[in-house]
Amino acid sequence: MIKYTVELTEAENKAMNYIANTVQEWIDNVVKNRARQAIDDIYNMEVERMTADPSITTIPADKNQVVLDADIKEVF
């Protein structure tokens, strides 16, 4: 598991507490949801690529494995 840290100013923390039950829960939900969307995008692109390639005879059943095996470029 990979862990990231976010630093907020006192004003940013106060603002986040105004809109969320807990800041950590809000951050976790936003990041995990965006990662889920990217996983779906990568998986769909890879399955489309693999089904169009006649040399590929099997596709992994595990969505995460398809994503981990994908030869994609990072945006930044």
PDB file of N, CA and C in Angstrom:
ATOM      1  N   MET A   1       0.854  -1.176   0.000  1.00  0.00           N
ATOM      2  CA  MET A   1       0.000   0.000   0.000  1.00  0.00           C
ATOM      3  C   MET A   1       0.895   1.232   0.000  1.00  0.00           C
ATOM      4  N   ILE A   2       0.493   2.228  -0.751  1.00  0.00           N
ATOM      5  CA  ILE A   2       1.225   3.489  -0.857  1.00  0.00           C
ATOM      6  C   ILE A   2       0.464   4.543  -0.076  1.00  0.00           C
ATOM      7  N   LYS A   3       1.205   5.359   0.661  1.00  0.00           N
ATOM      8  CA  LYS A   3       0.566   6.371   1.498  1.00  0.00           C
ATOM      9  C   LYS A   3       1.037   7.757   1.064  1.00  0.00           C
ATOM     10  N   TYR A   4       0.098   8.706   0.992  1.00  0.00           N
ATOM     11  CA  TYR A   4       0.396  10.087   0.649  1.00  0.00           C
ATOM     12  C   TYR A   4       0.017  10.976   1.823  1.00  0.00           C
ATOM     13  N   THR A   5       0.658  12.124   1.918  1.00  0.00           N
ATOM     14  CA  THR A   5       0.366  13.078   2.982  1.00  0.00           C
ATOM     15  C   THR A   5      -0.043  14.399   2.356  1.00  0.00           C
ATOM     16  N   VAL A   6      -1.042  15.033   2.942  1.00  0.00           N
ATOM     17  CA  VAL A   6      -1.508  16.339   2.481  1.00  0.00           C
ATOM     18  C   VAL A   6      -1.356  17.320   3.633  1.00  0.00           C
ATOM     19  N   GLU A   7      -0.777  18.469   3.343  1.00  0.00           N
ATOM     20  CA  GLU A   7      -0.649  19.509   4.358  1.00  0.00           C
ATOM     21  C   GLU A   7      -1.622  20.637   4.051  1.00  0.00           C
ATOM     22  N   LEU A   8      -2.359  21.071   5.071  1.00  0.00           N
ATOM     23  CA  LEU A   8      -3.317  22.161   4.935  1.00  0.00           C
ATOM     24  C   LEU A   8      -2.945  23.287   5.881  1.00  0.00           C
ATOM     25  N   THR A   9      -3.238  24.501   5.465  1.00  0.00           N
ATOM     26  CA  THR A   9      -3.098  25.629   6.384  1.00  0.00           C
ATOM     27  C   THR A   9      -4.242  25.549   7.391  1.00  0.00           C
ATOM     28  N   GLU A  10      -4.162  26.319   8.437  1.00  0.00           N
ATOM     29  CA  GLU A  10      -5.245  26.335   9.421  1.00  0.00           C
ATOM     30  C   GLU A  10      -6.565  26.763   8.763  1.00  0.00           C
ATOM     31  N   ALA A  11      -6.497  27.751   7.869  1.00  0.00           N
ATOM     32  CA  ALA A  11      -7.706  28.232   7.195  1.00  0.00           C
ATOM     33  C   ALA A  11      -8.275  27.151   6.282  1.00  0.00           C
ATOM     34  N   GLU A  12      -7.412  26.440   5.542  1.00  0.00           N
ATOM     35  CA  GLU A  12      -7.880  25.354   4.680  1.00  0.00           C
ATOM     36  C   GLU A  12      -8.511  24.244   5.509  1.00  0.00           C
ATOM     37  N   ASN A  13      -7.905  23.912   6.630  1.00  0.00           N
ATOM     38  CA  ASN A  13      -8.450  22.874   7.500  1.00  0.00           C
ATOM     39  C   ASN A  13      -9.814  23.285   8.048  1.00  0.00           C
ATOM     40  N   LYS A  14      -9.932  24.532   8.474  1.00  0.00           N
ATOM     41  CA  LYS A  14     -11.213  25.020   8.991  1.00  0.00           C
ATOM     42  C   LYS A  14     -12.276  24.955   7.896  1.00  0.00           C
ATOM     43  N   ALA A  15     -11.912  25.354   6.685  1.00  0.00           N
ATOM     44  CA  ALA A  15     -12.849  25.317   5.560  1.00  0.00           C
ATOM     45  C   ALA A  15     -13.271  23.888   5.249  1.00  0.00           C
ATOM     46  N   MET A  16     -12.323  22.955   5.273  1.00  0.00           N
ATOM     47  CA  MET A  16     -12.660  21.559   5.001  1.00  0.00           C
ATOM     48  C   MET A  16     -13.562  20.990   6.092  1.00  0.00           C
ATOM     49  N   ASN A  17     -13.325  21.347   7.331  1.00  0.00           N
ATOM     50  CA  ASN A  17     -14.180  20.880   8.428  1.00  0.00           C
ATOM     51  C   ASN A  17     -15.595  21.431   8.310  1.00  0.00           C
ATOM     52  N   TYR A  18     -15.743  22.544   7.636  1.00  0.00           N
ATOM     53  CA  TYR A  18     -17.064  23.130   7.397  1.00  0.00           C
ATOM     54  C   TYR A  18     -17.883  22.278   6.430  1.00  0.00           C
ATOM     55  N   ILE A  19     -17.207  21.620   5.460  1.00  0.00           N
ATOM     56  CA  ILE A  19     -17.922  20.871   4.425  1.00  0.00           C
ATOM     57  C   ILE A  19     -17.874  19.361   4.591  1.00  0.00           C
ATOM     58  N   ALA A  20     -17.088  18.850   5.538  1.00  0.00           N
ATOM     59  CA  ALA A  20     -16.918  17.397   5.644  1.00  0.00           C
ATOM     60  C   ALA A  20     -17.009  16.943   7.094  1.00  0.00           C
ATOM     61  N   ASN A  21     -17.492  15.708   7.283  1.00  0.00           N
ATOM     62  CA  ASN A  21     -17.496  15.131   8.629  1.00  0.00           C
ATOM     63  C   ASN A  21     -16.083  15.042   9.177  1.00  0.00           C
ATOM     64  N   THR A  22     -15.197  14.469   8.370  1.00  0.00           N
ATOM     65  CA  THR A  22     -13.768  14.483   8.699  1.00  0.00           C
ATOM     66  C   THR A  22     -13.009  14.771   7.415  1.00  0.00           C
ATOM     67  N   VAL A  23     -11.947  15.532   7.548  1.00  0.00           N
ATOM     68  CA  VAL A  23     -11.147  15.884   6.372  1.00  0.00           C
ATOM     69  C   VAL A  23     -10.525  14.633   5.764  1.00  0.00           C
ATOM     70  N   GLN A  24      -9.993  13.760   6.605  1.00  0.00           N
ATOM     71  CA  GLN A  24      -9.350  12.540   6.103  1.00  0.00           C
ATOM     72  C   GLN A  24     -10.335  11.677   5.320  1.00  0.00           C
ATOM     73  N   GLU A  25     -11.542  11.522   5.837  1.00  0.00           N
ATOM     74  CA  GLU A  25     -12.561  10.732   5.137  1.00  0.00           C
ATOM     75  C   GLU A  25     -12.892  11.351   3.779  1.00  0.00           C
ATOM     76  N   TRP A  26     -13.006  12.665   3.732  1.00  0.00           N
ATOM     77  CA  TRP A  26     -13.313  13.355   2.484  1.00  0.00           C
ATOM     78  C   TRP A  26     -12.188  13.137   1.477  1.00  0.00           C
ATOM     79  N   ILE A  27     -10.943  13.315   1.928  1.00  0.00           N
ATOM     80  CA  ILE A  27      -9.786  13.124   1.037  1.00  0.00           C
ATOM     81  C   ILE A  27      -9.748  11.682   0.530  1.00  0.00           C
ATOM     82  N   ASP A  28      -9.915  10.724   1.439  1.00  0.00           N
ATOM     83  CA  ASP A  28      -9.894   9.311   1.039  1.00  0.00           C
ATOM     84  C   ASP A  28     -10.954   9.027  -0.027  1.00  0.00           C
ATOM     85  N   ASN A  29     -12.163   9.521   0.191  1.00  0.00           N
ATOM     86  CA  ASN A  29     -13.253   9.278  -0.761  1.00  0.00           C
ATOM     87  C   ASN A  29     -12.978   9.894  -2.125  1.00  0.00           C
ATOM     88  N   VAL A  30     -12.493  11.119  -2.149  1.00  0.00           N
ATOM     89  CA  VAL A  30     -12.219  11.792  -3.422  1.00  0.00           C
ATOM     90  C   VAL A  30     -11.131  11.062  -4.195  1.00  0.00           C
ATOM     91  N   VAL A  31     -10.042  10.742  -3.522  1.00  0.00           N
ATOM     92  CA  VAL A  31      -8.913  10.103  -4.209  1.00  0.00           C
ATOM     93  C   VAL A  31      -9.281   8.696  -4.672  1.00  0.00           C
ATOM     94  N   LYS A  32      -9.934   7.920  -3.807  1.00  0.00           N
ATOM     95  CA  LYS A  32     -10.311   6.558  -4.192  1.00  0.00           C
ATOM     96  C   LYS A  32     -11.329   6.549  -5.331  1.00  0.00           C
ATOM     97  N   ASN A  33     -12.258   7.485  -5.324  1.00  0.00           N
ATOM     98  CA  ASN A  33     -13.238   7.543  -6.407  1.00  0.00           C
ATOM     99  C   ASN A  33     -12.569   7.916  -7.727  1.00  0.00           C
ATOM    100  N   ARG A  34     -11.645   8.877  -7.687  1.00  0.00           N
ATOM    101  CA  ARG A  34     -10.954   9.265  -8.932  1.00  0.00           C
ATOM    102  C   ARG A  34     -10.077   8.130  -9.438  1.00  0.00           C
ATOM    103  N   ALA A  35      -9.438   7.416  -8.531  1.00  0.00           N
ATOM    104  CA  ALA A  35      -8.626   6.260  -8.930  1.00  0.00           C
ATOM    105  C   ALA A  35      -9.516   5.178  -9.548  1.00  0.00           C
ATOM    106  N   ARG A  36     -10.698   4.955  -8.970  1.00  0.00           N
ATOM    107  CA  ARG A  36     -11.640   3.973  -9.516  1.00  0.00           C
ATOM    108  C   ARG A  36     -12.030   4.339 -10.947  1.00  0.00           C
ATOM    109  N   GLN A  37     -12.267   5.622 -11.187  1.00  0.00           N
ATOM    110  CA  GLN A  37     -12.630   6.072 -12.537  1.00  0.00           C
ATOM    111  C   GLN A  37     -11.474   5.838 -13.506  1.00  0.00           C
ATOM    112  N   ALA A  38     -10.255   6.140 -13.072  1.00  0.00           N
ATOM    113  CA  ALA A  38      -9.089   5.924 -13.939  1.00  0.00           C
ATOM    114  C   ALA A  38      -8.868   4.437 -14.192  1.00  0.00           C
ATOM    115  N   ILE A  39      -9.075   3.602 -13.175  1.00  0.00           N
ATOM    116  CA  ILE A  39      -8.954   2.153 -13.353  1.00  0.00           C
ATOM    117  C   ILE A  39      -9.948   1.675 -14.405  1.00  0.00           C
ATOM    118  N   ASP A  40     -11.177   2.145 -14.319  1.00  0.00           N
ATOM    119  CA  ASP A  40     -12.188   1.765 -15.316  1.00  0.00           C
ATOM    120  C   ASP A  40     -11.770   2.193 -16.715  1.00  0.00           C
ATOM    121  N   ASP A  41     -11.253   3.420 -16.846  1.00  0.00           N
ATOM    122  CA  ASP A  41     -10.806   3.913 -18.159  1.00  0.00           C
ATOM    123  C   ASP A  41      -9.669   3.054 -18.715  1.00  0.00           C
ATOM    124  N   ILE A  42      -8.662   2.807 -17.890  1.00  0.00           N
ATOM    125  CA  ILE A  42      -7.507   2.023 -18.339  1.00  0.00           C
ATOM    126  C   ILE A  42      -7.945   0.605 -18.700  1.00  0.00           C
ATOM    127  N   TYR A  43      -8.770   0.004 -17.848  1.00  0.00           N
ATOM    128  CA  TYR A  43      -9.247  -1.356 -18.103  1.00  0.00           C
ATOM    129  C   TYR A  43      -9.994  -1.432 -19.431  1.00  0.00           C
ATOM    130  N   ASN A  44     -10.905  -0.506 -19.642  1.00  0.00           N
ATOM    131  CA  ASN A  44     -11.681  -0.513 -20.895  1.00  0.00           C
ATOM    132  C   ASN A  44     -10.794  -0.327 -22.113  1.00  0.00           C
ATOM    133  N   MET A  45      -9.817   0.581 -22.030  1.00  0.00           N
ATOM    134  CA  MET A  45      -8.884   0.779 -23.151  1.00  0.00           C
ATOM    135  C   MET A  45      -8.072  -0.482 -23.413  1.00  0.00           C
ATOM    136  N   GLU A  46      -7.611  -1.118 -22.349  1.00  0.00           N
ATOM    137  CA  GLU A  46      -6.788  -2.315 -22.504  1.00  0.00           C
ATOM    138  C   GLU A  46      -7.588  -3.488 -23.053  1.00  0.00           C
ATOM    139  N   VAL A  47      -8.786  -3.682 -22.571  1.00  0.00           N
ATOM    140  CA  VAL A  47      -9.612  -4.789 -23.084  1.00  0.00           C
ATOM    141  C   VAL A  47      -9.924  -4.551 -24.562  1.00  0.00           C
ATOM    142  N   GLU A  48     -10.219  -3.310 -24.916  1.00  0.00           N
ATOM    143  CA  GLU A  48     -10.467  -2.997 -26.327  1.00  0.00           C
ATOM    144  C   GLU A  48      -9.222  -3.270 -27.162  1.00  0.00           C
ATOM    145  N   ARG A  49      -8.054  -2.855 -26.667  1.00  0.00           N
ATOM    146  CA  ARG A  49      -6.798  -3.083 -27.383  1.00  0.00           C
ATOM    147  C   ARG A  49      -6.519  -4.572 -27.517  1.00  0.00           C
ATOM    148  N   MET A  50      -6.720  -5.315 -26.433  1.00  0.00           N
ATOM    149  CA  MET A  50      -6.419  -6.749 -26.456  1.00  0.00           C
ATOM    150  C   MET A  50      -7.380  -7.521 -27.356  1.00  0.00           C
ATOM    151  N   THR A  51      -8.649  -7.157 -27.364  1.00  0.00           N
ATOM    152  CA  THR A  51      -9.595  -7.874 -28.225  1.00  0.00           C
ATOM    153  C   THR A  51      -9.366  -7.558 -29.699  1.00  0.00           C
ATOM    154  N   ALA A  52      -8.767  -6.420 -29.986  1.00  0.00           N
ATOM    155  CA  ALA A  52      -8.468  -6.067 -31.374  1.00  0.00           C
ATOM    156  C   ALA A  52      -7.153  -6.682 -31.865  1.00  0.00           C
ATOM    157  N   ASP A  53      -6.354  -7.207 -30.945  1.00  0.00           N
ATOM    158  CA  ASP A  53      -5.054  -7.782 -31.297  1.00  0.00           C
ATOM    159  C   ASP A  53      -5.198  -9.296 -31.463  1.00  0.00           C
ATOM    160  N   PRO A  54      -5.087  -9.797 -32.702  1.00  0.00           N
ATOM    161  CA  PRO A  54      -5.284 -11.231 -32.932  1.00  0.00           C
ATOM    162  C   PRO A  54      -4.227 -12.113 -32.269  1.00  0.00           C
ATOM    163  N   SER A  55      -3.101 -11.548 -31.880  1.00  0.00           N
ATOM    164  CA  SER A  55      -2.057 -12.355 -31.233  1.00  0.00           C
ATOM    165  C   SER A  55      -2.349 -12.591 -29.753  1.00  0.00           C
ATOM    166  N   ILE A  56      -3.297 -11.863 -29.186  1.00  0.00           N
ATOM    167  CA  ILE A  56      -3.659 -12.045 -27.778  1.00  0.00           C
ATOM    168  C   ILE A  56      -4.820 -13.026 -27.707  1.00  0.00           C
ATOM    169  N   THR A  57      -4.588 -14.117 -26.985  1.00  0.00           N
ATOM    170  CA  THR A  57      -5.608 -15.170 -26.913  1.00  0.00           C
ATOM    171  C   THR A  57      -6.332 -15.213 -25.570  1.00  0.00           C
ATOM    172  N   THR A  58      -5.768 -14.561 -24.557  1.00  0.00           N
ATOM    173  CA  THR A  58      -6.438 -14.533 -23.246  1.00  0.00           C
ATOM    174  C   THR A  58      -6.325 -13.131 -22.649  1.00  0.00           C
ATOM    175  N   ILE A  59      -7.321 -12.799 -21.853  1.00  0.00           N
ATOM    176  CA  ILE A  59      -7.347 -11.535 -21.125  1.00  0.00           C
ATOM    177  C   ILE A  59      -7.472 -11.883 -19.648  1.00  0.00           C
ATOM    178  N   PRO A  60      -6.614 -11.315 -18.797  1.00  0.00           N
ATOM    179  CA  PRO A  60      -6.719 -11.616 -17.365  1.00  0.00           C
ATOM    180  C   PRO A  60      -8.121 -11.313 -16.832  1.00  0.00           C
ATOM    181  N   ALA A  61      -8.595 -12.162 -15.931  1.00  0.00           N
ATOM    182  CA  ALA A  61      -9.920 -11.974 -15.342  1.00  0.00           C
ATOM    183  C   ALA A  61      -9.910 -10.895 -14.270  1.00  0.00           C
ATOM    184  N   ASP A  62      -8.736 -10.579 -13.750  1.00  0.00           N
ATOM    185  CA  ASP A  62      -8.613  -9.609 -12.668  1.00  0.00           C
ATOM    186  C   ASP A  62      -8.404  -8.201 -13.234  1.00  0.00           C
ATOM    187  N   LYS A  63      -9.361  -7.308 -12.965  1.00  0.00           N
ATOM    188  CA  LYS A  63      -9.302  -5.937 -13.487  1.00  0.00           C
ATOM    189  C   LYS A  63      -8.030  -5.226 -13.040  1.00  0.00           C
ATOM    190  N   ASN A  64      -7.659  -5.383 -11.771  1.00  0.00           N
ATOM    191  CA  ASN A  64      -6.455  -4.729 -11.275  1.00  0.00           C
ATOM    192  C   ASN A  64      -5.210  -5.217 -12.003  1.00  0.00           C
ATOM    193  N   GLN A  65      -5.165  -6.499 -12.314  1.00  0.00           N
ATOM    194  CA  GLN A  65      -4.009  -7.039 -13.030  1.00  0.00           C
ATOM    195  C   GLN A  65      -3.920  -6.466 -14.439  1.00  0.00           C
ATOM    196  N   VAL A  66      -5.054  -6.314 -15.093  1.00  0.00           N
ATOM    197  CA  VAL A  66      -5.066  -5.694 -16.429  1.00  0.00           C
ATOM    198  C   VAL A  66      -4.487  -4.288 -16.337  1.00  0.00           C
ATOM    199  N   VAL A  67      -4.889  -3.538 -15.336  1.00  0.00           N
ATOM    200  CA  VAL A  67      -4.388  -2.170 -15.162  1.00  0.00           C
ATOM    201  C   VAL A  67      -2.894  -2.179 -14.848  1.00  0.00           C
ATOM    202  N   LEU A  68      -2.471  -3.055 -13.944  1.00  0.00           N
ATOM    203  CA  LEU A  68      -1.045  -3.112 -13.585  1.00  0.00           C
ATOM    204  C   LEU A  68      -0.177  -3.507 -14.770  1.00  0.00           C
ATOM    205  N   ASP A  69      -0.693  -4.353 -15.651  1.00  0.00           N
ATOM    206  CA  ASP A  69       0.066  -4.805 -16.818  1.00  0.00           C
ATOM    207  C   ASP A  69       0.010  -3.810 -17.982  1.00  0.00           C
ATOM    208  N   ALA A  70      -0.866  -2.854 -17.929  1.00  0.00           N
ATOM    209  CA  ALA A  70      -1.051  -1.910 -19.049  1.00  0.00           C
ATOM    210  C   ALA A  70       0.190  -1.061 -19.260  1.00  0.00           C
ATOM    211  N   ASP A  71       0.552  -0.914 -20.507  1.00  0.00           N
ATOM    212  CA  ASP A  71       1.689  -0.057 -20.877  1.00  0.00           C
ATOM    213  C   ASP A  71       1.143   1.327 -21.171  1.00  0.00           C
ATOM    214  N   ILE A  72       0.978   2.101 -20.119  1.00  0.00           N
ATOM    215  CA  ILE A  72       0.436   3.452 -20.268  1.00  0.00           C
ATOM    216  C   ILE A  72       1.461   4.466 -19.772  1.00  0.00           C
ATOM    217  N   LYS A  73       1.342   5.668 -20.287  1.00  0.00           N
ATOM    218  CA  LYS A  73       2.235   6.737 -19.874  1.00  0.00           C
ATOM    219  C   LYS A  73       1.550   7.556 -18.787  1.00  0.00           C
ATOM    220  N   GLU A  74       2.337   7.945 -17.798  1.00  0.00           N
ATOM    221  CA  GLU A  74       1.807   8.820 -16.749  1.00  0.00           C
ATOM    222  C   GLU A  74       1.647  10.202 -17.339  1.00  0.00           C
ATOM    223  N   VAL A  75       0.653  10.920 -16.893  1.00  0.00           N
ATOM    224  CA  VAL A  75       0.346  12.242 -17.428  1.00  0.00           C
ATOM    225  C   VAL A  75       1.444  13.242 -17.099  1.00  0.00           C
ATOM    226  N   PHE A  76       1.973  13.161 -15.904  1.00  0.00           N
ATOM    227  CA  PHE A  76       2.963  14.172 -15.493  1.00  0.00           C
ATOM    228  C   PHE A  76       4.312  13.553 -15.273  1.00  0.00           C
TER     229      PHE A  76
END
